[in-house]
PDB file of N, CA and C in Angstrom:
ATOM      1  N   GLN A   1       6.154  -0.014 -19.253  1.00  0.00           N
ATOM      2  CA  GLN A   1       6.707  -0.290 -17.935  1.00  0.00           C
ATOM      3  C   GLN A   1       6.144   0.687 -16.920  1.00  0.00           C
ATOM      4  N   VAL A   2       6.024   0.197 -15.708  1.00  0.00           N
ATOM      5  CA  VAL A   2       5.544   1.013 -14.601  1.00  0.00           C
ATOM      6  C   VAL A   2       6.549   0.901 -13.462  1.00  0.00           C
ATOM      7  N   GLN A   3       6.885   2.024 -12.869  1.00  0.00           N
ATOM      8  CA  GLN A   3       7.804   2.026 -11.743  1.00  0.00           C
ATOM      9  C   GLN A   3       7.065   2.500 -10.491  1.00  0.00           C
ATOM     10  N   LEU A   4       7.370   1.837  -9.380  1.00  0.00           N
ATOM     11  CA  LEU A   4       6.742   2.192  -8.108  1.00  0.00           C
ATOM     12  C   LEU A   4       7.827   2.329  -7.038  1.00  0.00           C
ATOM     13  N   VAL A   5       7.723   3.379  -6.257  1.00  0.00           N
ATOM     14  CA  VAL A   5       8.692   3.618  -5.193  1.00  0.00           C
ATOM     15  C   VAL A   5       7.942   3.931  -3.913  1.00  0.00           C
ATOM     16  N   GLU A   6       8.120   3.058  -2.916  1.00  0.00           N
ATOM     17  CA  GLU A   6       7.471   3.259  -1.622  1.00  0.00           C
ATOM     18  C   GLU A   6       8.360   4.083  -0.699  1.00  0.00           C
ATOM     19  N   SER A   7       7.731   4.766   0.221  1.00  0.00           N
ATOM     20  CA  SER A   7       8.462   5.501   1.248  1.00  0.00           C
ATOM     21  C   SER A   7       7.552   5.693   2.452  1.00  0.00           C
ATOM     22  N   GLY A   8       8.177   6.074   3.564  1.00  0.00           N
ATOM     23  CA  GLY A   8       7.410   6.393   4.759  1.00  0.00           C
ATOM     24  C   GLY A   8       7.504   5.381   5.877  1.00  0.00           C
ATOM     25  N   GLY A   9       8.039   4.208   5.604  1.00  0.00           N
ATOM     26  CA  GLY A   9       8.143   3.209   6.658  1.00  0.00           C
ATOM     27  C   GLY A   9       9.194   3.583   7.689  1.00  0.00           C
ATOM     28  N   ARG A  10       8.917   3.264   8.935  1.00  0.00           N
ATOM     29  CA  ARG A  10       9.870   3.536  10.023  1.00  0.00           C
ATOM     30  C   ARG A  10       9.434   2.823  11.274  1.00  0.00           C
ATOM     31  N   LEU A  11      10.182   2.985  12.341  1.00  0.00           N
ATOM     32  CA  LEU A  11       9.849   2.430  13.650  1.00  0.00           C
ATOM     33  C   LEU A  11       8.887   3.374  14.365  1.00  0.00           C
ATOM     34  N   VAL A  12       7.769   2.814  14.828  1.00  0.00           N
ATOM     35  CA  VAL A  12       6.782   3.584  15.567  1.00  0.00           C
ATOM     36  C   VAL A  12       6.365   2.801  16.805  1.00  0.00           C
ATOM     37  N   GLN A  13       5.625   3.476  17.687  1.00  0.00           N
ATOM     38  CA  GLN A  13       5.100   2.826  18.879  1.00  0.00           C
ATOM     39  C   GLN A  13       3.672   2.351  18.628  1.00  0.00           C
ATOM     40  N   ALA A  14       3.259   1.325  19.345  1.00  0.00           N
ATOM     41  CA  ALA A  14       1.882   0.847  19.247  1.00  0.00           C
ATOM     42  C   ALA A  14       0.921   2.003  19.528  1.00  0.00           C
ATOM     43  N   GLY A  15      -0.126   2.098  18.714  1.00  0.00           N
ATOM     44  CA  GLY A  15      -1.090   3.174  18.838  1.00  0.00           C
ATOM     45  C   GLY A  15      -0.806   4.366  17.948  1.00  0.00           C
ATOM     46  N   ASP A  16       0.403   4.447  17.410  1.00  0.00           N
ATOM     47  CA  ASP A  16       0.763   5.561  16.527  1.00  0.00           C
ATOM     48  C   ASP A  16       0.101   5.421  15.158  1.00  0.00           C
ATOM     49  N   SER A  17       0.185   6.502  14.398  1.00  0.00           N
ATOM     50  CA  SER A  17      -0.274   6.516  13.017  1.00  0.00           C
ATOM     51  C   SER A  17       0.927   6.696  12.093  1.00  0.00           C
ATOM     52  N   LEU A  18       0.759   6.241  10.863  1.00  0.00           N
ATOM     53  CA  LEU A  18       1.834   6.339   9.881  1.00  0.00           C
ATOM     54  C   LEU A  18       1.209   6.394   8.503  1.00  0.00           C
ATOM     55  N   ARG A  19       1.789   7.205   7.611  1.00  0.00           N
ATOM     56  CA  ARG A  19       1.304   7.243   6.244  1.00  0.00           C
ATOM     57  C   ARG A  19       2.423   6.814   5.299  1.00  0.00           C
ATOM     58  N   LEU A  20       2.136   5.800   4.520  1.00  0.00           N
ATOM     59  CA  LEU A  20       3.067   5.332   3.502  1.00  0.00           C
ATOM     60  C   LEU A  20       2.699   5.960   2.163  1.00  0.00           C
ATOM     61  N   SER A  21       3.725   6.187   1.350  1.00  0.00           N
ATOM     62  CA  SER A  21       3.518   6.758   0.019  1.00  0.00           C
ATOM     63  C   SER A  21       4.048   5.809  -1.036  1.00  0.00           C
ATOM     64  N   CYS A  22       3.391   5.809  -2.176  1.00  0.00           N
ATOM     65  CA  CYS A  22       3.817   5.007  -3.320  1.00  0.00           C
ATOM     66  C   CYS A  22       3.786   5.906  -4.553  1.00  0.00           C
ATOM     67  N   ALA A  23       4.956   6.312  -5.008  1.00  0.00           N
ATOM     68  CA  ALA A  23       5.059   7.140  -6.210  1.00  0.00           C
ATOM     69  C   ALA A  23       5.044   6.236  -7.427  1.00  0.00           C
ATOM     70  N   VAL A  24       4.112   6.489  -8.335  1.00  0.00           N
ATOM     71  CA  VAL A  24       3.916   5.639  -9.515  1.00  0.00           C
ATOM     72  C   VAL A  24       4.268   6.430 -10.764  1.00  0.00           C
ATOM     73  N   SER A  25       5.040   5.819 -11.655  1.00  0.00           N
ATOM     74  CA  SER A  25       5.378   6.477 -12.907  1.00  0.00           C
ATOM     75  C   SER A  25       5.384   5.454 -14.036  1.00  0.00           C
ATOM     76  N   GLY A  26       5.337   5.964 -15.249  1.00  0.00           N
ATOM     77  CA  GLY A  26       5.366   5.075 -16.400  1.00  0.00           C
ATOM     78  C   GLY A  26       4.004   4.933 -17.049  1.00  0.00           C
ATOM     79  N   ARG A  27       3.765   3.817 -17.708  1.00  0.00           N
ATOM     80  CA  ARG A  27       2.564   3.602 -18.498  1.00  0.00           C
ATOM     81  C   ARG A  27       1.412   3.130 -17.616  1.00  0.00           C
ATOM     82  N   THR A  28       0.763   4.091 -16.971  1.00  0.00           N
ATOM     83  CA  THR A  28      -0.303   3.777 -16.027  1.00  0.00           C
ATOM     84  C   THR A  28      -1.672   4.131 -16.560  1.00  0.00           C
ATOM     85  N   PHE A  29      -1.797   4.333 -17.844  1.00  0.00           N
ATOM     86  CA  PHE A  29      -3.050   4.851 -18.366  1.00  0.00           C
ATOM     87  C   PHE A  29      -4.110   3.786 -18.581  1.00  0.00           C
ATOM     88  N   ALA A  30      -3.810   2.530 -18.238  1.00  0.00           N
ATOM     89  CA  ALA A  30      -4.803   1.464 -18.408  1.00  0.00           C
ATOM     90  C   ALA A  30      -6.060   1.815 -17.633  1.00  0.00           C
ATOM     91  N   PRO A  31      -7.214   1.850 -18.300  1.00  0.00           N
ATOM     92  CA  PRO A  31      -8.454   2.243 -17.625  1.00  0.00           C
ATOM     93  C   PRO A  31      -8.831   1.307 -16.491  1.00  0.00           C
ATOM     94  N   SER A  32      -8.389   0.073 -16.564  1.00  0.00           N
ATOM     95  CA  SER A  32      -8.723  -0.880 -15.513  1.00  0.00           C
ATOM     96  C   SER A  32      -7.616  -1.003 -14.479  1.00  0.00           C
ATOM     97  N   GLY A  33      -6.621  -0.122 -14.568  1.00  0.00           N
ATOM     98  CA  GLY A  33      -5.486  -0.202 -13.671  1.00  0.00           C
ATOM     99  C   GLY A  33      -5.869  -0.056 -12.213  1.00  0.00           C
ATOM    100  N   ARG A  34      -5.088  -0.698 -11.386  1.00  0.00           N
ATOM    101  CA  ARG A  34      -5.357  -0.686  -9.951  1.00  0.00           C
ATOM    102  C   ARG A  34      -4.027  -0.748  -9.194  1.00  0.00           C
ATOM    103  N   VAL A  35      -3.969  -0.070  -8.055  1.00  0.00           N
ATOM    104  CA  VAL A  35      -2.787  -0.102  -7.194  1.00  0.00           C
ATOM    105  C   VAL A  35      -3.166  -0.765  -5.881  1.00  0.00           C
ATOM    106  N   GLY A  36      -2.338  -1.675  -5.458  1.00  0.00           N
ATOM    107  CA  GLY A  36      -2.564  -2.353  -4.194  1.00  0.00           C
ATOM    108  C   GLY A  36      -1.421  -2.141  -3.227  1.00  0.00           C
ATOM    109  N   TRP A  37      -1.749  -2.109  -1.966  1.00  0.00           N
ATOM    110  CA  TRP A  37      -0.755  -2.150  -0.891  1.00  0.00           C
ATOM    111  C   TRP A  37      -0.782  -3.553  -0.293  1.00  0.00           C
ATOM    112  N   PHE A  38       0.382  -4.151  -0.250  1.00  0.00           N
ATOM    113  CA  PHE A  38       0.547  -5.480   0.315  1.00  0.00           C
ATOM    114  C   PHE A  38       1.510  -5.381   1.500  1.00  0.00           C
ATOM    115  N   ARG A  39       1.517  -6.415   2.311  1.00  0.00           N
ATOM    116  CA  ARG A  39       2.527  -6.491   3.362  1.00  0.00           C
ATOM    117  C   ARG A  39       2.956  -7.935   3.556  1.00  0.00           C
ATOM    118  N   GLN A  40       4.193  -8.068   4.026  1.00  0.00           N
ATOM    119  CA  GLN A  40       4.726  -9.396   4.309  1.00  0.00           C
ATOM    120  C   GLN A  40       5.482  -9.346   5.614  1.00  0.00           C
ATOM    121  N   ALA A  41       4.945 -10.058   6.592  1.00  0.00           N
ATOM    122  CA  ALA A  41       5.579 -10.148   7.901  1.00  0.00           C
ATOM    123  C   ALA A  41       6.594 -11.288   7.883  1.00  0.00           C
ATOM    124  N   PRO A  42       7.558 -11.260   8.787  1.00  0.00           N
ATOM    125  CA  PRO A  42       8.566 -12.332   8.840  1.00  0.00           C
ATOM    126  C   PRO A  42       7.921 -13.712   8.962  1.00  0.00           C
ATOM    127  N   GLY A  43       8.312 -14.610   8.093  1.00  0.00           N
ATOM    128  CA  GLY A  43       7.807 -15.972   8.146  1.00  0.00           C
ATOM    129  C   GLY A  43       6.399 -16.165   7.607  1.00  0.00           C
ATOM    130  N   LYS A  44       5.830 -15.106   7.046  1.00  0.00           N
ATOM    131  CA  LYS A  44       4.458 -15.197   6.533  1.00  0.00           C
ATOM    132  C   LYS A  44       4.416 -14.841   5.056  1.00  0.00           C
ATOM    133  N   GLY A  45       3.294 -15.177   4.437  1.00  0.00           N
ATOM    134  CA  GLY A  45       3.112 -14.855   3.041  1.00  0.00           C
ATOM    135  C   GLY A  45       2.718 -13.408   2.845  1.00  0.00           C
ATOM    136  N   ARG A  46       2.773 -12.962   1.617  1.00  0.00           N
ATOM    137  CA  ARG A  46       2.389 -11.594   1.294  1.00  0.00           C
ATOM    138  C   ARG A  46       0.875 -11.490   1.238  1.00  0.00           C
ATOM    139  N   GLU A  47       0.320 -10.465   1.874  1.00  0.00           N
ATOM    140  CA  GLU A  47      -1.133 -10.290   1.887  1.00  0.00           C
ATOM    141  C   GLU A  47      -1.510  -8.901   1.404  1.00  0.00           C
ATOM    142  N   LEU A  48      -2.629  -8.843   0.718  1.00  0.00           N
ATOM    143  CA  LEU A  48      -3.170  -7.578   0.247  1.00  0.00           C
ATOM    144  C   LEU A  48      -3.907  -6.909   1.403  1.00  0.00           C
ATOM    145  N   VAL A  49      -3.597  -5.649   1.651  1.00  0.00           N
ATOM    146  CA  VAL A  49      -4.291  -4.933   2.724  1.00  0.00           C
ATOM    147  C   VAL A  49      -5.259  -3.890   2.189  1.00  0.00           C
ATOM    148  N   ALA A  50      -5.020  -3.388   0.995  1.00  0.00           N
ATOM    149  CA  ALA A  50      -5.929  -2.386   0.425  1.00  0.00           C
ATOM    150  C   ALA A  50      -5.596  -2.196  -1.046  1.00  0.00           C
ATOM    151  N   SER A  51      -6.592  -1.827  -1.824  1.00  0.00           N
ATOM    152  CA  SER A  51      -6.352  -1.503  -3.228  1.00  0.00           C
ATOM    153  C   SER A  51      -7.283  -0.375  -3.652  1.00  0.00           C
ATOM    154  N   ILE A  52      -6.874   0.293  -4.726  1.00  0.00           N
ATOM    155  CA  ILE A  52      -7.643   1.425  -5.228  1.00  0.00           C
ATOM    156  C   ILE A  52      -7.533   1.463  -6.739  1.00  0.00           C
ATOM    157  N   SER A  53      -8.620   1.811  -7.398  1.00  0.00           N
ATOM    158  CA  SER A  53      -8.575   1.966  -8.843  1.00  0.00           C
ATOM    159  C   SER A  53      -7.696   3.161  -9.185  1.00  0.00           C
ATOM    160  N   TRP A  54      -7.108   3.138 -10.387  1.00  0.00           N
ATOM    161  CA  TRP A  54      -6.232   4.230 -10.766  1.00  0.00           C
ATOM    162  C   TRP A  54      -6.997   5.553 -10.835  1.00  0.00           C
ATOM    163  N   SER A  55      -8.276   5.454 -11.133  1.00  0.00           N
ATOM    164  CA  SER A  55      -9.098   6.665 -11.144  1.00  0.00           C
ATOM    165  C   SER A  55      -9.389   7.161  -9.742  1.00  0.00           C
ATOM    166  N   GLY A  56      -9.216   6.291  -8.755  1.00  0.00           N
ATOM    167  CA  GLY A  56      -9.423   6.691  -7.374  1.00  0.00           C
ATOM    168  C   GLY A  56     -10.846   6.567  -6.876  1.00  0.00           C
ATOM    169  N   ASP A  57     -11.748   6.065  -7.726  1.00  0.00           N
ATOM    170  CA  ASP A  57     -13.154   6.051  -7.328  1.00  0.00           C
ATOM    171  C   ASP A  57     -13.607   4.730  -6.731  1.00  0.00           C
ATOM    172  N   ASP A  58     -12.725   3.785  -6.627  1.00  0.00           N
ATOM    173  CA  ASP A  58     -13.091   2.486  -6.060  1.00  0.00           C
ATOM    174  C   ASP A  58     -11.977   1.970  -5.159  1.00  0.00           C
ATOM    175  N   THR A  59     -12.327   1.653  -3.921  1.00  0.00           N
ATOM    176  CA  THR A  59     -11.346   1.108  -2.988  1.00  0.00           C
ATOM    177  C   THR A  59     -11.832  -0.240  -2.469  1.00  0.00           C
ATOM    178  N   ASN A  60     -10.886  -1.032  -2.034  1.00  0.00           N
ATOM    179  CA  ASN A  60     -11.212  -2.348  -1.502  1.00  0.00           C
ATOM    180  C   ASN A  60     -10.276  -2.686  -0.354  1.00  0.00           C
ATOM    181  N   TYR A  61     -10.853  -3.219   0.694  1.00  0.00           N
ATOM    182  CA  TYR A  61     -10.076  -3.641   1.857  1.00  0.00           C
ATOM    183  C   TYR A  61     -10.438  -5.100   2.125  1.00  0.00           C
ATOM    184  N   PRO A  62      -9.611  -6.029   1.704  1.00  0.00           N
ATOM    185  CA  PRO A  62      -9.956  -7.441   1.832  1.00  0.00           C
ATOM    186  C   PRO A  62     -10.279  -7.885   3.251  1.00  0.00           C
ATOM    187  N   ASP A  63      -9.579  -7.320   4.219  1.00  0.00           N
ATOM    188  CA  ASP A  63      -9.828  -7.670   5.608  1.00  0.00           C
ATOM    189  C   ASP A  63     -10.719  -6.602   6.228  1.00  0.00           C
ATOM    190  N   SER A  64     -12.006  -6.909   6.321  1.00  0.00           N
ATOM    191  CA  SER A  64     -12.953  -5.902   6.803  1.00  0.00           C
ATOM    192  C   SER A  64     -12.692  -5.523   8.249  1.00  0.00           C
ATOM    193  N   GLU A  65     -11.931  -6.350   8.935  1.00  0.00           N
ATOM    194  CA  GLU A  65     -11.674  -6.041  10.342  1.00  0.00           C
ATOM    195  C   GLU A  65     -10.565  -5.021  10.498  1.00  0.00           C
ATOM    196  N   GLN A  66      -9.875  -4.698   9.383  1.00  0.00           N
ATOM    197  CA  GLN A  66      -8.802  -3.725   9.483  1.00  0.00           C
ATOM    198  C   GLN A  66      -9.358  -2.430  10.060  1.00  0.00           C
ATOM    199  N   GLY A  67     -10.214  -1.754   9.303  1.00  0.00           N
ATOM    200  CA  GLY A  67     -10.853  -0.537   9.754  1.00  0.00           C
ATOM    201  C   GLY A  67      -9.899   0.581  10.090  1.00  0.00           C
ATOM    202  N   ARG A  68      -8.614   0.244  10.166  1.00  0.00           N
ATOM    203  CA  ARG A  68      -7.639   1.224  10.611  1.00  0.00           C
ATOM    204  C   ARG A  68      -6.826   1.784   9.453  1.00  0.00           C
ATOM    205  N   PHE A  69      -6.963   1.165   8.274  1.00  0.00           N
ATOM    206  CA  PHE A  69      -6.180   1.574   7.122  1.00  0.00           C
ATOM    207  C   PHE A  69      -7.072   2.258   6.096  1.00  0.00           C
ATOM    208  N   THR A  70      -6.536   3.286   5.470  1.00  0.00           N
ATOM    209  CA  THR A  70      -7.238   3.996   4.413  1.00  0.00           C
ATOM    210  C   THR A  70      -6.302   4.214   3.241  1.00  0.00           C
ATOM    211  N   ILE A  71      -6.739   3.810   2.060  1.00  0.00           N
ATOM    212  CA  ILE A  71      -5.949   4.006   0.848  1.00  0.00           C
ATOM    213  C   ILE A  71      -6.525   5.186   0.078  1.00  0.00           C
ATOM    214  N   SER A  72      -5.657   5.979  -0.520  1.00  0.00           N
ATOM    215  CA  SER A  72      -6.107   7.130  -1.309  1.00  0.00           C
ATOM    216  C   SER A  72      -5.124   7.386  -2.445  1.00  0.00           C
ATOM    217  N   HIS A  73      -5.562   8.185  -3.395  1.00  0.00           N
ATOM    218  CA  HIS A  73      -4.764   8.439  -4.590  1.00  0.00           C
ATOM    219  C   HIS A  73      -4.776   9.931  -4.900  1.00  0.00           C
ATOM    220  N   ASP A  74      -3.611  10.527  -5.000  1.00  0.00           N
ATOM    221  CA  ASP A  74      -3.481  11.920  -5.417  1.00  0.00           C
ATOM    222  C   ASP A  74      -3.116  11.929  -6.892  1.00  0.00           C
ATOM    223  N   ASN A  75      -4.093  12.238  -7.732  1.00  0.00           N
ATOM    224  CA  ASN A  75      -3.865  12.211  -9.174  1.00  0.00           C
ATOM    225  C   ASN A  75      -2.828  13.234  -9.628  1.00  0.00           C
ATOM    226  N   THR A  76      -2.752  14.333  -8.927  1.00  0.00           N
ATOM    227  CA  THR A  76      -1.822  15.389  -9.343  1.00  0.00           C
ATOM    228  C   THR A  76      -0.374  14.986  -9.106  1.00  0.00           C
ATOM    229  N   LYS A  77      -0.169  14.084  -8.171  1.00  0.00           N
ATOM    230  CA  LYS A  77       1.189  13.649  -7.840  1.00  0.00           C
ATOM    231  C   LYS A  77       1.466  12.207  -8.269  1.00  0.00           C
ATOM    232  N   ASN A  78       0.457  11.540  -8.849  1.00  0.00           N
ATOM    233  CA  ASN A  78       0.598  10.119  -9.203  1.00  0.00           C
ATOM    234  C   ASN A  78       1.134   9.313  -8.030  1.00  0.00           C
ATOM    235  N   THR A  79       0.549   9.578  -6.885  1.00  0.00           N
ATOM    236  CA  THR A  79       0.995   8.933  -5.659  1.00  0.00           C
ATOM    237  C   THR A  79      -0.195   8.310  -4.950  1.00  0.00           C
ATOM    238  N   VAL A  80       0.004   7.109  -4.475  1.00  0.00           N
ATOM    239  CA  VAL A  80      -1.006   6.394  -3.698  1.00  0.00           C
ATOM    240  C   VAL A  80      -0.519   6.311  -2.255  1.00  0.00           C
ATOM    241  N   TYR A  81      -1.423   6.605  -1.341  1.00  0.00           N
ATOM    242  CA  TYR A  81      -1.077   6.629   0.073  1.00  0.00           C
ATOM    243  C   TYR A  81      -1.780   5.506   0.831  1.00  0.00           C
ATOM    244  N   LEU A  82      -1.160   5.072   1.898  1.00  0.00           N
ATOM    245  CA  LEU A  82      -1.800   4.160   2.834  1.00  0.00           C
ATOM    246  C   LEU A  82      -1.679   4.789   4.217  1.00  0.00           C
ATOM    247  N   GLN A  83      -2.807   5.279   4.709  1.00  0.00           N
ATOM    248  CA  GLN A  83      -2.853   5.845   6.053  1.00  0.00           C
ATOM    249  C   GLN A  83      -3.157   4.725   7.023  1.00  0.00           C
ATOM    250  N   MET A  84      -2.300   4.559   8.012  1.00  0.00           N
ATOM    251  CA  MET A  84      -2.467   3.485   8.993  1.00  0.00           C
ATOM    252  C   MET A  84      -2.582   4.099  10.375  1.00  0.00           C
ATOM    253  N   ASN A  85      -3.671   3.807  11.049  1.00  0.00           N
ATOM    254  CA  ASN A  85      -3.925   4.347  12.384  1.00  0.00           C
ATOM    255  C   ASN A  85      -3.940   3.231  13.419  1.00  0.00           C
ATOM    256  N   SER A  86      -3.766   3.619  14.680  1.00  0.00           N
ATOM    257  CA  SER A  86      -3.817   2.665  15.799  1.00  0.00           C
ATOM    258  C   SER A  86      -2.973   1.434  15.507  1.00  0.00           C
ATOM    259  N   LEU A  87      -1.741   1.653  15.135  1.00  0.00           N
ATOM    260  CA  LEU A  87      -0.876   0.546  14.735  1.00  0.00           C
ATOM    261  C   LEU A  87      -0.614  -0.416  15.879  1.00  0.00           C
ATOM    262  N   LYS A  88      -0.495  -1.686  15.513  1.00  0.00           N
ATOM    263  CA  LYS A  88      -0.263  -2.758  16.463  1.00  0.00           C
ATOM    264  C   LYS A  88       1.046  -3.452  16.121  1.00  0.00           C
ATOM    265  N   PRO A  89       1.660  -4.121  17.090  1.00  0.00           N
ATOM    266  CA  PRO A  89       2.900  -4.857  16.784  1.00  0.00           C
ATOM    267  C   PRO A  89       2.725  -5.846  15.637  1.00  0.00           C
ATOM    268  N   GLU A  90       1.537  -6.423  15.509  1.00  0.00           N
ATOM    269  CA  GLU A  90       1.304  -7.396  14.435  1.00  0.00           C
ATOM    270  C   GLU A  90       1.220  -6.743  13.057  1.00  0.00           C
ATOM    271  N   ASP A  91       1.230  -5.423  12.998  1.00  0.00           N
ATOM    272  CA  ASP A  91       1.296  -4.729  11.719  1.00  0.00           C
ATOM    273  C   ASP A  91       2.733  -4.634  11.203  1.00  0.00           C
ATOM    274  N   THR A  92       3.677  -5.071  12.009  1.00  0.00           N
ATOM    275  CA  THR A  92       5.076  -5.053  11.594  1.00  0.00           C
ATOM    276  C   THR A  92       5.271  -5.923  10.356  1.00  0.00           C
ATOM    277  N   ALA A  93       5.828  -5.333   9.313  1.00  0.00           N
ATOM    278  CA  ALA A  93       5.992  -6.043   8.037  1.00  0.00           C
ATOM    279  C   ALA A  93       6.727  -5.131   7.065  1.00  0.00           C
ATOM    280  N   VAL A  94       7.133  -5.729   5.954  1.00  0.00           N
ATOM    281  CA  VAL A  94       7.557  -4.937   4.803  1.00  0.00           C
ATOM    282  C   VAL A  94       6.307  -4.662   3.982  1.00  0.00           C
ATOM    283  N   TYR A  95       6.084  -3.399   3.676  1.00  0.00           N
ATOM    284  CA  TYR A  95       4.911  -2.987   2.913  1.00  0.00           C
ATOM    285  C   TYR A  95       5.326  -2.676   1.480  1.00  0.00           C
ATOM    286  N   TYR A  96       4.582  -3.257   0.549  1.00  0.00           N
ATOM    287  CA  TYR A  96       4.857  -3.089  -0.872  1.00  0.00           C
ATOM    288  C   TYR A  96       3.636  -2.475  -1.557  1.00  0.00           C
ATOM    289  N   CYS A  97       3.888  -1.679  -2.577  1.00  0.00           N
ATOM    290  CA  CYS A  97       2.788  -1.291  -3.456  1.00  0.00           C
ATOM    291  C   CYS A  97       3.035  -1.947  -4.807  1.00  0.00           C
ATOM    292  N   ALA A  98       1.950  -2.182  -5.512  1.00  0.00           N
ATOM    293  CA  ALA A  98       2.021  -2.875  -6.788  1.00  0.00           C
ATOM    294  C   ALA A  98       0.933  -2.343  -7.712  1.00  0.00           C
ATOM    295  N   PHE A  99       1.193  -2.447  -9.010  1.00  0.00           N
ATOM    296  CA  PHE A  99       0.248  -1.962 -10.020  1.00  0.00           C
ATOM    297  C   PHE A  99      -0.274  -3.118 -10.848  1.00  0.00           C
ATOM    298  N   LYS A 100      -1.587  -3.144 -11.022  1.00  0.00           N
ATOM    299  CA  LYS A 100      -2.243  -4.164 -11.830  1.00  0.00           C
ATOM    300  C   LYS A 100      -2.871  -3.493 -13.049  1.00  0.00           C
ATOM    301  N   PRO A 101      -2.273  -3.690 -14.233  1.00  0.00           N
ATOM    302  CA  PRO A 101      -2.837  -3.057 -15.434  1.00  0.00           C
ATOM    303  C   PRO A 101      -4.205  -3.618 -15.801  1.00  0.00           C
ATOM    304  N   LEU A 102      -4.343  -4.948 -15.642  1.00  0.00           N
ATOM    305  CA  LEU A 102      -5.602  -5.581 -16.041  1.00  0.00           C
ATOM    306  C   LEU A 102      -5.965  -6.728 -15.096  1.00  0.00           C
ATOM    307  N   LEU A 103      -5.201  -7.817 -15.149  1.00  0.00           N
ATOM    308  CA  LEU A 103      -5.577  -9.018 -14.393  1.00  0.00           C
ATOM    309  C   LEU A 103      -4.685  -9.261 -13.182  1.00  0.00           C
ATOM    310  N   ASN A 104      -3.386  -8.996 -13.338  1.00  0.00           N
ATOM    311  CA  ASN A 104      -2.432  -9.348 -12.289  1.00  0.00           C
ATOM    312  C   ASN A 104      -1.615  -8.142 -11.856  1.00  0.00           C
ATOM    313  N   TYR A 105      -1.092  -8.228 -10.631  1.00  0.00           N
ATOM    314  CA  TYR A 105      -0.164  -7.204 -10.140  1.00  0.00           C
ATOM    315  C   TYR A 105       1.211  -7.520 -10.739  1.00  0.00           C
ATOM    316  N   ASP A 106       1.500  -6.868 -11.838  1.00  0.00           N
ATOM    317  CA  ASP A 106       2.699  -7.182 -12.607  1.00  0.00           C
ATOM    318  C   ASP A 106       3.904  -6.334 -12.214  1.00  0.00           C
ATOM    319  N   TYR A 107       3.657  -5.208 -11.565  1.00  0.00           N
ATOM    320  CA  TYR A 107       4.736  -4.278 -11.251  1.00  0.00           C
ATOM    321  C   TYR A 107       4.756  -4.030  -9.744  1.00  0.00           C
ATOM    322  N   TRP A 108       5.976  -4.097  -9.181  1.00  0.00           N
ATOM    323  CA  TRP A 108       6.126  -4.000  -7.734  1.00  0.00           C
ATOM    324  C   TRP A 108       7.208  -3.001  -7.365  1.00  0.00           C
ATOM    325  N   GLY A 109       7.015  -2.384  -6.213  1.00  0.00           N
ATOM    326  CA  GLY A 109       8.063  -1.560  -5.649  1.00  0.00           C
ATOM    327  C   GLY A 109       9.015  -2.411  -4.829  1.00  0.00           C
ATOM    328  N   GLN A 110      10.005  -1.745  -4.233  1.00  0.00           N
ATOM    329  CA  GLN A 110      11.035  -2.470  -3.496  1.00  0.00           C
ATOM    330  C   GLN A 110      10.645  -2.733  -2.046  1.00  0.00           C
ATOM    331  N   GLY A 111       9.595  -2.073  -1.583  1.00  0.00           N
ATOM    332  CA  GLY A 111       9.118  -2.280  -0.221  1.00  0.00           C
ATOM    333  C   GLY A 111       9.669  -1.266   0.764  1.00  0.00           C
ATOM    334  N   THR A 112       8.927  -1.059   1.835  1.00  0.00           N
ATOM    335  CA  THR A 112       9.358  -0.167   2.914  1.00  0.00           C
ATOM    336  C   THR A 112       9.019  -0.830   4.241  1.00  0.00           C
ATOM    337  N   GLN A 113       9.961  -0.808   5.174  1.00  0.00           N
ATOM    338  CA  GLN A 113       9.810  -1.523   6.446  1.00  0.00           C
ATOM    339  C   GLN A 113       9.023  -0.684   7.448  1.00  0.00           C
ATOM    340  N   VAL A 114       8.003  -1.321   8.011  1.00  0.00           N
ATOM    341  CA  VAL A 114       7.251  -0.728   9.119  1.00  0.00           C
ATOM    342  C   VAL A 114       7.444  -1.622  10.334  1.00  0.00           C
ATOM    343  N   THR A 115       7.910  -1.040  11.409  1.00  0.00           N
ATOM    344  CA  THR A 115       8.106  -1.782  12.649  1.00  0.00           C
ATOM    345  C   THR A 115       7.327  -1.084  13.757  1.00  0.00           C
ATOM    346  N   VAL A 116       6.461  -1.846  14.405  1.00  0.00           N
ATOM    347  CA  VAL A 116       5.638  -1.299  15.482  1.00  0.00           C
ATOM    348  C   VAL A 116       6.096  -1.916  16.792  1.00  0.00           C
ATOM    349  N   ALA A 117       6.615  -1.085  17.662  1.00  0.00           N
ATOM    350  CA  ALA A 117       7.096  -1.557  18.963  1.00  0.00           C
ATOM    351  C   ALA A 117       5.967  -1.534  19.989  1.00  0.00           C
ATOM    352  N   SER A 118       5.949  -2.541  20.835  1.00  0.00           N
ATOM    353  CA  SER A 118       4.894  -2.620  21.858  1.00  0.00           C
ATOM    354  C   SER A 118       5.238  -1.783  23.080  1.00  0.00           C
TER     355      SER A 118
END
């Protein structure tokens, strides 16, 4: 089992920066393991915004136009971060982190709310 706990979400103003944290614990030793940050805005589906290999040496940003988000992994703390800069109102969503041992994101956190006011 793998447990994930997100934190850091809050109300911010447009243009602000925010860093989300995802504390990961449990059986994460899968060599192909990967952590993703997803978000779900009201009335919309869940979308992947960034992912990183558990080793931290490979990152992926599905939306190349993002440019404002950076994912990183602190191995000493077993924590994955999502740094978000120049936030926009359309970034308002519940942000989730999830762990993929091999093929699918099987483990999810409870989510953290990010609200960007214009």
